Amino acid sequence: MAASGDGTVGKALEVLDQVASYGRPVRFSELLGASRFPKATLYRFVQTLANQGMLAFDPDRGTYAPGVRLVRLAHAAWLTASLAPIASSHLDRLSADVGETVHLAQLDHAQVIYVDKRNAADPVQMYSQSGKVGPAYCTGVGKVMMAYLTEADLVDALGQQSFHRFTPTTHTSAKSLRAELSDIRANGYGFDREEHEPGIICIALPIRTETNRVLGAISVTSTTNRTNLVGLESLVQRIRTTAEAIAKDASSWHFPITARSS
């Protein structure tokens, strides 16, 4: 939902986010059923977005989907605001070394954006894909990034979490999550203990600058059939080396400042 005071632009972006969230072409009637806007208002936003190339309309099927202009903008963002180009070679080396799935993620408005991924030698089907948005409170990358936010930004981020119980180990309150975030700060790394998907576990470390600003996070993900948390914990130093190398290469890169880290 658009933030208070964002006006027309914020509302239009909210509609754009709604269309993108379906992951498929969507009819206007579907959008209307889930939208907070009246029919005339929603239609005006959809038409404007389509006219600007932000949405593509298929007249044969009567559906809307993200437009080509978004692809150009996404590519520009990937090149200038994403860690992916900087981290690519480091992810390649870590992936070859550990043989498991490697994720690179960044925090955006209290959600996790997976900006790059390397599949395991023996790939496993899982939710995360490059470009996908995921919850922060029940993912390893999300928790290690939140752990280093300032108190003010952490309060804001916690207030935006849904705390939906995906599995029996999912955090369902800010109180329980805060306790784990304290442990992460003490240890320098965190886990996903099957909190988002049954059978999927990971270990994650933040990517931090010399001034302690969190640029993103990196994780190694596996399954409970292949390993356990102790096995993943043995990879900490290798992952830390990768995170430090990415941070070093990013030192001359200019990233947009979204949240302050302590």
C-alpha atoms as a PDB file:
ATOM      1  CA  MET A   1       0.000   0.000   0.000  1.00  0.00           C
ATOM      2  CA  ALA A   2       1.226   3.495  -0.777  1.00  0.00           C
ATOM      3  CA  ALA A   3       2.674   5.406   2.126  1.00  0.00           C
ATOM      4  CA  SER A   4       0.734   8.319   3.534  1.00  0.00           C
ATOM      5  CA  GLY A   5       1.444  11.486   1.559  1.00  0.00           C
ATOM      6  CA  ASP A   6       2.636   9.710  -1.590  1.00  0.00           C
ATOM      7  CA  GLY A   7      -0.417  10.938  -3.488  1.00  0.00           C
ATOM      8  CA  THR A   8      -1.320   9.905  -7.012  1.00  0.00           C
ATOM      9  CA  VAL A   9       2.082   8.472  -7.890  1.00  0.00           C
ATOM     10  CA  GLY A  10       2.086   6.258  -4.807  1.00  0.00           C
ATOM     11  CA  LYS A  11      -1.404   4.989  -5.600  1.00  0.00           C
ATOM     12  CA  ALA A  12      -0.466   4.210  -9.192  1.00  0.00           C
ATOM     13  CA  LEU A  13       2.579   2.279  -7.997  1.00  0.00           C
ATOM     14  CA  GLU A  14       0.335   0.362  -5.625  1.00  0.00           C
ATOM     15  CA  VAL A  15      -1.754  -0.736  -8.617  1.00  0.00           C
ATOM     16  CA  LEU A  16       1.423  -1.680 -10.483  1.00  0.00           C
ATOM     17  CA  ASP A  17       2.564  -3.766  -7.518  1.00  0.00           C
ATOM     18  CA  GLN A  18      -0.840  -5.447  -7.413  1.00  0.00           C
ATOM     19  CA  VAL A  19      -0.671  -6.479 -11.075  1.00  0.00           C
ATOM     20  CA  ALA A  20       2.879  -7.782 -10.650  1.00  0.00           C
ATOM     21  CA  SER A  21       1.942  -9.781  -7.542  1.00  0.00           C
ATOM     22  CA  TYR A  22      -0.214 -12.203  -9.550  1.00  0.00           C
ATOM     23  CA  GLY A  23       2.751 -13.519 -11.517  1.00  0.00           C
ATOM     24  CA  ARG A  24       0.515 -13.893 -14.575  1.00  0.00           C
ATOM     25  CA  PRO A  25      -1.721 -11.756 -16.799  1.00  0.00           C
ATOM     26  CA  VAL A  26      -4.731 -10.594 -14.798  1.00  0.00           C
ATOM     27  CA  ARG A  27      -8.203  -9.331 -15.707  1.00  0.00           C
ATOM     28  CA  PHE A  28      -9.502  -5.969 -14.527  1.00  0.00           C
ATOM     29  CA  SER A  29     -12.296  -7.690 -12.606  1.00  0.00           C
ATOM     30  CA  GLU A  30      -9.700  -9.597 -10.562  1.00  0.00           C
ATOM     31  CA  LEU A  31      -7.843  -6.399  -9.766  1.00  0.00           C
ATOM     32  CA  LEU A  32     -11.066  -4.668  -8.767  1.00  0.00           C
ATOM     33  CA  GLY A  33     -12.043  -7.495  -6.441  1.00  0.00           C
ATOM     34  CA  ALA A  34      -8.818  -7.113  -4.473  1.00  0.00           C
ATOM     35  CA  SER A  35      -8.320  -3.338  -4.777  1.00  0.00           C
ATOM     36  CA  ARG A  36      -9.113  -0.651  -2.222  1.00  0.00           C
ATOM     37  CA  PHE A  37      -9.871   1.804  -5.035  1.00  0.00           C
ATOM     38  CA  PRO A  38     -13.316   2.427  -6.568  1.00  0.00           C
ATOM     39  CA  LYS A  39     -13.849   1.029 -10.056  1.00  0.00           C
ATOM     40  CA  ALA A  40     -13.464   4.379 -11.865  1.00  0.00           C
ATOM     41  CA  THR A  41     -10.281   5.255  -9.962  1.00  0.00           C
ATOM     42  CA  LEU A  42      -8.712   1.854 -10.528  1.00  0.00           C
ATOM     43  CA  TYR A  43      -9.579   1.958 -14.229  1.00  0.00           C
ATOM     44  CA  ARG A  44      -7.974   5.394 -14.576  1.00  0.00           C
ATOM     45  CA  PHE A  45      -4.749   4.164 -12.959  1.00  0.00           C
ATOM     46  CA  VAL A  46      -4.646   1.022 -15.087  1.00  0.00           C
ATOM     47  CA  GLN A  47      -5.211   2.991 -18.290  1.00  0.00           C
ATOM     48  CA  THR A  48      -2.527   5.531 -17.416  1.00  0.00           C
ATOM     49  CA  LEU A  49      -0.026   2.791 -16.582  1.00  0.00           C
ATOM     50  CA  ALA A  50      -0.827   1.036 -19.851  1.00  0.00           C
ATOM     51  CA  ASN A  51      -0.465   4.275 -21.834  1.00  0.00           C
ATOM     52  CA  GLN A  52       2.962   4.795 -20.247  1.00  0.00           C
ATOM     53  CA  GLY A  53       4.137   1.279 -21.076  1.00  0.00           C
ATOM     54  CA  MET A  54       4.277   0.241 -17.428  1.00  0.00           C
ATOM     55  CA  LEU A  55       1.464  -2.231 -18.057  1.00  0.00           C
ATOM     56  CA  ALA A  56       0.755  -4.229 -21.207  1.00  0.00           C
ATOM     57  CA  PHE A  57      -2.870  -4.851 -22.224  1.00  0.00           C
ATOM     58  CA  ASP A  58      -3.841  -7.933 -24.233  1.00  0.00           C
ATOM     59  CA  PRO A  59      -7.091  -7.020 -26.059  1.00  0.00           C
ATOM     60  CA  ASP A  60      -7.749 -10.616 -27.114  1.00  0.00           C
ATOM     61  CA  ARG A  61      -7.713 -11.934 -23.558  1.00  0.00           C
ATOM     62  CA  GLY A  62      -8.665  -8.718 -21.784  1.00  0.00           C
ATOM     63  CA  THR A  63      -5.724  -9.011 -19.392  1.00  0.00           C
ATOM     64  CA  TYR A  64      -3.015  -6.758 -17.986  1.00  0.00           C
ATOM     65  CA  ALA A  65       0.609  -7.675 -17.256  1.00  0.00           C
ATOM     66  CA  PRO A  66       3.815  -5.766 -16.423  1.00  0.00           C
ATOM     67  CA  GLY A  67       4.958  -3.837 -19.494  1.00  0.00           C
ATOM     68  CA  VAL A  68       8.187  -3.701 -21.477  1.00  0.00           C
ATOM     69  CA  ARG A  69       9.081  -0.314 -19.994  1.00  0.00           C
ATOM     70  CA  LEU A  70       9.334  -2.028 -16.619  1.00  0.00           C
ATOM     71  CA  VAL A  71      11.861  -4.456 -18.067  1.00  0.00           C
ATOM     72  CA  ARG A  72      14.070  -1.541 -19.126  1.00  0.00           C
ATOM     73  CA  LEU A  73      13.741   0.073 -15.712  1.00  0.00           C
ATOM     74  CA  ALA A  74      14.429  -3.211 -13.943  1.00  0.00           C
ATOM     75  CA  HIS A  75      17.555  -3.749 -16.019  1.00  0.00           C
ATOM     76  CA  ALA A  76      18.781  -0.252 -15.177  1.00  0.00           C
ATOM     77  CA  ALA A  77      18.092  -0.854 -11.489  1.00  0.00           C
ATOM     78  CA  TRP A  78      19.923  -4.192 -11.633  1.00  0.00           C
ATOM     79  CA  LEU A  79      22.979  -2.451 -13.075  1.00  0.00           C
ATOM     80  CA  THR A  80      23.010   0.572 -10.772  1.00  0.00           C
ATOM     81  CA  ALA A  81      21.256  -0.296  -7.502  1.00  0.00           C
ATOM     82  CA  SER A  82      21.610  -4.048  -7.188  1.00  0.00           C
ATOM     83  CA  LEU A  83      24.510  -5.962  -5.702  1.00  0.00           C
ATOM     84  CA  ALA A  84      24.132  -8.610  -8.399  1.00  0.00           C
ATOM     85  CA  PRO A  85      26.701  -7.318 -10.951  1.00  0.00           C
ATOM     86  CA  ILE A  86      29.310  -6.814  -8.228  1.00  0.00           C
ATOM     87  CA  ALA A  87      28.679 -10.134  -6.519  1.00  0.00           C
ATOM     88  CA  SER A  88      28.340 -12.356  -9.582  1.00  0.00           C
ATOM     89  CA  SER A  89      31.859 -13.817  -9.722  1.00  0.00           C
ATOM     90  CA  HIS A  90      31.937 -14.264  -5.943  1.00  0.00           C
ATOM     91  CA  LEU A  91      28.645 -16.169  -6.033  1.00  0.00           C
ATOM     92  CA  ASP A  92      30.031 -18.391  -8.785  1.00  0.00           C
ATOM     93  CA  ARG A  93      33.045 -19.332  -6.657  1.00  0.00           C
ATOM     94  CA  LEU A  94      31.024 -19.943  -3.496  1.00  0.00           C
ATOM     95  CA  SER A  95      28.485 -22.047  -5.376  1.00  0.00           C
ATOM     96  CA  ALA A  96      31.210 -24.204  -6.924  1.00  0.00           C
ATOM     97  CA  ASP A  97      32.848 -24.557  -3.523  1.00  0.00           C
ATOM     98  CA  VAL A  98      29.834 -25.614  -1.453  1.00  0.00           C
ATOM     99  CA  GLY A  99      27.687 -27.314  -4.098  1.00  0.00           C
ATOM    100  CA  GLU A 100      24.482 -25.943  -2.558  1.00  0.00           C
ATOM    101  CA  THR A 101      22.045 -23.192  -3.525  1.00  0.00           C
ATOM    102  CA  VAL A 102      23.427 -19.694  -2.971  1.00  0.00           C
ATOM    103  CA  HIS A 103      21.216 -16.626  -2.630  1.00  0.00           C
ATOM    104  CA  LEU A 104      22.000 -12.924  -2.782  1.00  0.00           C
ATOM    105  CA  ALA A 105      19.327 -10.656  -1.325  1.00  0.00           C
ATOM    106  CA  GLN A 106      18.641  -7.054  -0.383  1.00  0.00           C
ATOM    107  CA  LEU A 107      16.107  -5.484   1.965  1.00  0.00           C
ATOM    108  CA  ASP A 108      13.445  -3.255   0.443  1.00  0.00           C
ATOM    109  CA  HIS A 109      10.716  -1.723   2.607  1.00  0.00           C
ATOM    110  CA  ALA A 110      10.990  -4.542   5.149  1.00  0.00           C
ATOM    111  CA  GLN A 111      10.762  -7.257   2.482  1.00  0.00           C
ATOM    112  CA  VAL A 112      13.458  -9.422   0.962  1.00  0.00           C
ATOM    113  CA  ILE A 113      14.265  -9.120  -2.715  1.00  0.00           C
ATOM    114  CA  TYR A 114      16.254 -12.016  -4.139  1.00  0.00           C
ATOM    115  CA  VAL A 115      18.574 -10.282  -6.600  1.00  0.00           C
ATOM    116  CA  ASP A 116      20.634 -13.296  -7.675  1.00  0.00           C
ATOM    117  CA  LYS A 117      20.818 -17.040  -7.197  1.00  0.00           C
ATOM    118  CA  ARG A 118      23.049 -19.995  -7.986  1.00  0.00           C
ATOM    119  CA  ASN A 119      21.423 -23.415  -8.018  1.00  0.00           C
ATOM    120  CA  ALA A 120      22.865 -26.412  -6.231  1.00  0.00           C
ATOM    121  CA  ALA A 121      24.687 -29.115  -8.157  1.00  0.00           C
ATOM    122  CA  ASP A 122      21.570 -31.202  -7.508  1.00  0.00           C
ATOM    123  CA  PRO A 123      18.849 -28.495  -7.686  1.00  0.00           C
ATOM    124  CA  VAL A 124      15.929 -28.417  -5.261  1.00  0.00           C
ATOM    125  CA  GLN A 125      12.601 -26.757  -5.989  1.00  0.00           C
ATOM    126  CA  MET A 126      12.055 -23.827  -3.629  1.00  0.00           C
ATOM    127  CA  TYR A 127      10.231 -20.496  -3.443  1.00  0.00           C
ATOM    128  CA  SER A 128      13.188 -18.180  -3.964  1.00  0.00           C
ATOM    129  CA  GLN A 129      14.041 -16.982  -7.469  1.00  0.00           C
ATOM    130  CA  SER A 130      15.894 -13.916  -8.726  1.00  0.00           C
ATOM    131  CA  GLY A 131      13.507 -10.974  -8.737  1.00  0.00           C
ATOM    132  CA  LYS A 132      11.092 -12.524  -6.276  1.00  0.00           C
ATOM    133  CA  VAL A 133      10.025 -10.741  -3.109  1.00  0.00           C
ATOM    134  CA  GLY A 134       9.826 -12.726   0.119  1.00  0.00           C
ATOM    135  CA  PRO A 135       9.089 -12.169   3.798  1.00  0.00           C
ATOM    136  CA  ALA A 136      11.942 -10.962   5.989  1.00  0.00           C
ATOM    137  CA  TYR A 137      10.865 -12.424   9.339  1.00  0.00           C
ATOM    138  CA  CYS A 138      11.093 -16.084   8.290  1.00  0.00           C
ATOM    139  CA  THR A 139      14.064 -16.133   5.908  1.00  0.00           C
ATOM    140  CA  GLY A 140      17.711 -16.318   6.847  1.00  0.00           C
ATOM    141  CA  VAL A 141      18.705 -13.411   4.607  1.00  0.00           C
ATOM    142  CA  GLY A 142      15.848 -11.281   5.892  1.00  0.00           C
ATOM    143  CA  LYS A 143      16.671 -11.851   9.542  1.00  0.00           C
ATOM    144  CA  VAL A 144      20.395 -11.127   9.229  1.00  0.00           C
ATOM    145  CA  MET A 145      19.640  -7.855   7.451  1.00  0.00           C
ATOM    146  CA  MET A 146      17.032  -6.791  10.001  1.00  0.00           C
ATOM    147  CA  ALA A 147      19.405  -7.666  12.840  1.00  0.00           C
ATOM    148  CA  TYR A 148      21.669  -4.751  11.921  1.00  0.00           C
ATOM    149  CA  LEU A 149      19.014  -2.066  11.478  1.00  0.00           C
ATOM    150  CA  THR A 150      18.883   0.851  13.872  1.00  0.00           C
ATOM    151  CA  GLU A 151      16.192   0.581  16.521  1.00  0.00           C
ATOM    152  CA  ALA A 152      13.951   3.074  14.701  1.00  0.00           C
ATOM    153  CA  ASP A 153      14.201   1.212  11.401  1.00  0.00           C
ATOM    154  CA  LEU A 154      13.781  -2.136  13.132  1.00  0.00           C
ATOM    155  CA  VAL A 155      10.552  -0.981  14.776  1.00  0.00           C
ATOM    156  CA  ASP A 156       9.322   0.127  11.355  1.00  0.00           C
ATOM    157  CA  ALA A 157      10.364  -3.158   9.726  1.00  0.00           C
ATOM    158  CA  LEU A 158       8.779  -5.300  12.436  1.00  0.00           C
ATOM    159  CA  GLY A 159       5.545  -3.359  12.049  1.00  0.00           C
ATOM    160  CA  GLN A 160       5.420  -4.365   8.383  1.00  0.00           C
ATOM    161  CA  GLN A 161       5.833  -8.122   8.962  1.00  0.00           C
ATOM    162  CA  SER A 162       2.746 -10.319   8.619  1.00  0.00           C
ATOM    163  CA  PHE A 163       3.960 -13.003  11.058  1.00  0.00           C
ATOM    164  CA  HIS A 164       1.946 -15.604   9.183  1.00  0.00           C
ATOM    165  CA  ARG A 165       2.782 -19.114  10.387  1.00  0.00           C
ATOM    166  CA  PHE A 166       4.124 -20.989   7.349  1.00  0.00           C
ATOM    167  CA  THR A 167       5.502 -23.899   9.391  1.00  0.00           C
ATOM    168  CA  PRO A 168       5.650 -24.922  13.068  1.00  0.00           C
ATOM    169  CA  THR A 169       9.010 -23.097  13.422  1.00  0.00           C
ATOM    170  CA  THR A 170       7.897 -19.746  11.947  1.00  0.00           C
ATOM    171  CA  HIS A 171       8.124 -16.700  14.210  1.00  0.00           C
ATOM    172  CA  THR A 172       4.625 -15.448  14.982  1.00  0.00           C
ATOM    173  CA  SER A 173       5.486 -12.344  16.984  1.00  0.00           C
ATOM    174  CA  ALA A 174       7.921  -9.460  17.028  1.00  0.00           C
ATOM    175  CA  LYS A 175       8.991 -10.483  20.536  1.00  0.00           C
ATOM    176  CA  SER A 176      10.266 -13.915  19.528  1.00  0.00           C
ATOM    177  CA  LEU A 177      11.912 -12.519  16.400  1.00  0.00           C
ATOM    178  CA  ARG A 178      13.697  -9.808  18.382  1.00  0.00           C
ATOM    179  CA  ALA A 179      15.257 -12.463  20.603  1.00  0.00           C
ATOM    180  CA  GLU A 180      16.710 -14.219  17.578  1.00  0.00           C
ATOM    181  CA  LEU A 181      17.914 -10.954  16.044  1.00  0.00           C
ATOM    182  CA  SER A 182      19.931 -10.333  19.223  1.00  0.00           C
ATOM    183  CA  ASP A 183      21.550 -13.754  18.816  1.00  0.00           C
ATOM    184  CA  ILE A 184      22.346 -12.976  15.179  1.00  0.00           C
ATOM    185  CA  ARG A 185      24.109  -9.764  16.148  1.00  0.00           C
ATOM    186  CA  ALA A 186      26.137 -11.666  18.710  1.00  0.00           C
ATOM    187  CA  ASN A 187      27.085 -14.485  16.324  1.00  0.00           C
ATOM    188  CA  GLY A 188      27.309 -12.600  13.054  1.00  0.00           C
ATOM    189  CA  TYR A 189      25.105 -15.094  11.196  1.00  0.00           C
ATOM    190  CA  GLY A 190      21.635 -16.615  11.305  1.00  0.00           C
ATOM    191  CA  PHE A 191      19.576 -19.580  10.141  1.00  0.00           C
ATOM    192  CA  ASP A 192      16.333 -20.414   8.426  1.00  0.00           C
ATOM    193  CA  ARG A 193      15.089 -23.368  10.457  1.00  0.00           C
ATOM    194  CA  GLU A 194      12.412 -24.534   8.006  1.00  0.00           C
ATOM    195  CA  GLU A 195      10.567 -21.314   8.833  1.00  0.00           C
ATOM    196  CA  HIS A 196       9.304 -20.502   5.344  1.00  0.00           C
ATOM    197  CA  GLU A 197       9.206 -23.885   3.644  1.00  0.00           C
ATOM    198  CA  PRO A 198       9.204 -27.361   5.228  1.00  0.00           C
ATOM    199  CA  GLY A 199      12.478 -29.179   4.636  1.00  0.00           C
ATOM    200  CA  ILE A 200      14.351 -26.046   3.485  1.00  0.00           C
ATOM    201  CA  ILE A 201      17.126 -24.743   5.761  1.00  0.00           C
ATOM    202  CA  CYS A 202      19.830 -22.140   5.296  1.00  0.00           C
ATOM    203  CA  ILE A 203      22.619 -20.185   6.913  1.00  0.00           C
ATOM    204  CA  ALA A 204      22.932 -16.479   6.093  1.00  0.00           C
ATOM    205  CA  LEU A 205      25.379 -13.649   6.701  1.00  0.00           C
ATOM    206  CA  PRO A 206      25.000  -9.912   6.126  1.00  0.00           C
ATOM    207  CA  ILE A 207      27.106  -7.995   3.618  1.00  0.00           C
ATOM    208  CA  ARG A 208      28.288  -4.903   5.493  1.00  0.00           C
ATOM    209  CA  THR A 209      30.413  -1.897   4.629  1.00  0.00           C
ATOM    210  CA  GLU A 210      33.282  -0.643   6.788  1.00  0.00           C
ATOM    211  CA  THR A 211      30.816   1.803   8.349  1.00  0.00           C
ATOM    212  CA  ASN A 212      28.558  -1.140   9.252  1.00  0.00           C
ATOM    213  CA  ARG A 213      25.856  -0.320   6.712  1.00  0.00           C
ATOM    214  CA  VAL A 214      24.096  -3.443   5.479  1.00  0.00           C
ATOM    215  CA  LEU A 215      24.129  -3.675   1.692  1.00  0.00           C
ATOM    216  CA  GLY A 216      22.509  -7.079   1.515  1.00  0.00           C
ATOM    217  CA  ALA A 217      22.890 -10.673   2.607  1.00  0.00           C
ATOM    218  CA  ILE A 218      24.165 -13.963   1.265  1.00  0.00           C
ATOM    219  CA  SER A 219      22.968 -17.440   2.169  1.00  0.00           C
ATOM    220  CA  VAL A 220      23.665 -21.075   1.480  1.00  0.00           C
ATOM    221  CA  THR A 221      20.461 -23.090   1.330  1.00  0.00           C
ATOM    222  CA  SER A 222      19.926 -26.836   1.446  1.00  0.00           C
ATOM    223  CA  THR A 223      17.398 -29.420   2.588  1.00  0.00           C
ATOM    224  CA  THR A 224      17.000 -31.480   5.734  1.00  0.00           C
ATOM    225  CA  ASN A 225      17.440 -34.564   3.549  1.00  0.00           C
ATOM    226  CA  ARG A 226      20.960 -33.499   2.585  1.00  0.00           C
ATOM    227  CA  THR A 227      22.335 -31.802   5.686  1.00  0.00           C
ATOM    228  CA  ASN A 228      21.453 -30.102   8.965  1.00  0.00           C
ATOM    229  CA  LEU A 229      22.114 -26.791  10.697  1.00  0.00           C
ATOM    230  CA  VAL A 230      25.427 -28.040  12.096  1.00  0.00           C
ATOM    231  CA  GLY A 231      26.552 -28.927   8.588  1.00  0.00           C
ATOM    232  CA  LEU A 232      25.566 -25.501   7.308  1.00  0.00           C
ATOM    233  CA  GLU A 233      27.268 -23.800  10.245  1.00  0.00           C
ATOM    234  CA  SER A 234      30.562 -25.353   9.143  1.00  0.00           C
ATOM    235  CA  LEU A 235      30.349 -23.117   6.046  1.00  0.00           C
ATOM    236  CA  VAL A 236      30.340 -19.851   8.014  1.00  0.00           C
ATOM    237  CA  GLN A 237      33.921 -18.869   7.287  1.00  0.00           C
ATOM    238  CA  ARG A 238      33.611 -19.556   3.578  1.00  0.00           C
ATOM    239  CA  ILE A 239      30.414 -17.498   3.385  1.00  0.00           C
ATOM    240  CA  ARG A 240      31.949 -14.720   5.485  1.00  0.00           C
ATOM    241  CA  THR A 241      34.933 -14.543   3.128  1.00  0.00           C
ATOM    242  CA  THR A 242      32.540 -14.164   0.209  1.00  0.00           C
ATOM    243  CA  ALA A 243      30.466 -11.504   1.982  1.00  0.00           C
ATOM    244  CA  GLU A 244      33.604  -9.512   2.829  1.00  0.00           C
ATOM    245  CA  ALA A 245      34.858  -9.739  -0.755  1.00  0.00           C
ATOM    246  CA  ILE A 246      31.539  -8.463  -2.088  1.00  0.00           C
ATOM    247  CA  ALA A 247      31.544  -5.617   0.431  1.00  0.00           C
ATOM    248  CA  LYS A 248      35.072  -4.672  -0.570  1.00  0.00           C
ATOM    249  CA  ASP A 249      34.207  -4.603  -4.271  1.00  0.00           C
ATOM    250  CA  ALA A 250      31.114  -2.559  -3.459  1.00  0.00           C
ATOM    251  CA  SER A 251      33.087   0.076  -1.556  1.00  0.00           C
ATOM    252  CA  SER A 252      33.263   2.370  -4.581  1.00  0.00           C
ATOM    253  CA  TRP A 253      29.700   1.625  -5.675  1.00  0.00           C
ATOM    254  CA  HIS A 254      26.937   4.126  -4.923  1.00  0.00           C
ATOM    255  CA  PHE A 255      23.836   2.501  -3.484  1.00  0.00           C
ATOM    256  CA  PRO A 256      20.525   4.180  -2.674  1.00  0.00           C
ATOM    257  CA  ILE A 257      20.146   4.671   1.072  1.00  0.00           C
ATOM    258  CA  THR A 258      16.834   3.202   2.245  1.00  0.00           C
ATOM    259  CA  ALA A 259      17.343   2.237   5.872  1.00  0.00           C
ATOM    260  CA  ARG A 260      19.977   3.110   8.413  1.00  0.00           C
ATOM    261  CA  SER A 261      22.033   0.355  10.003  1.00  0.00           C
ATOM    262  CA  SER A 262      23.558   0.713  13.430  1.00  0.00           C
END
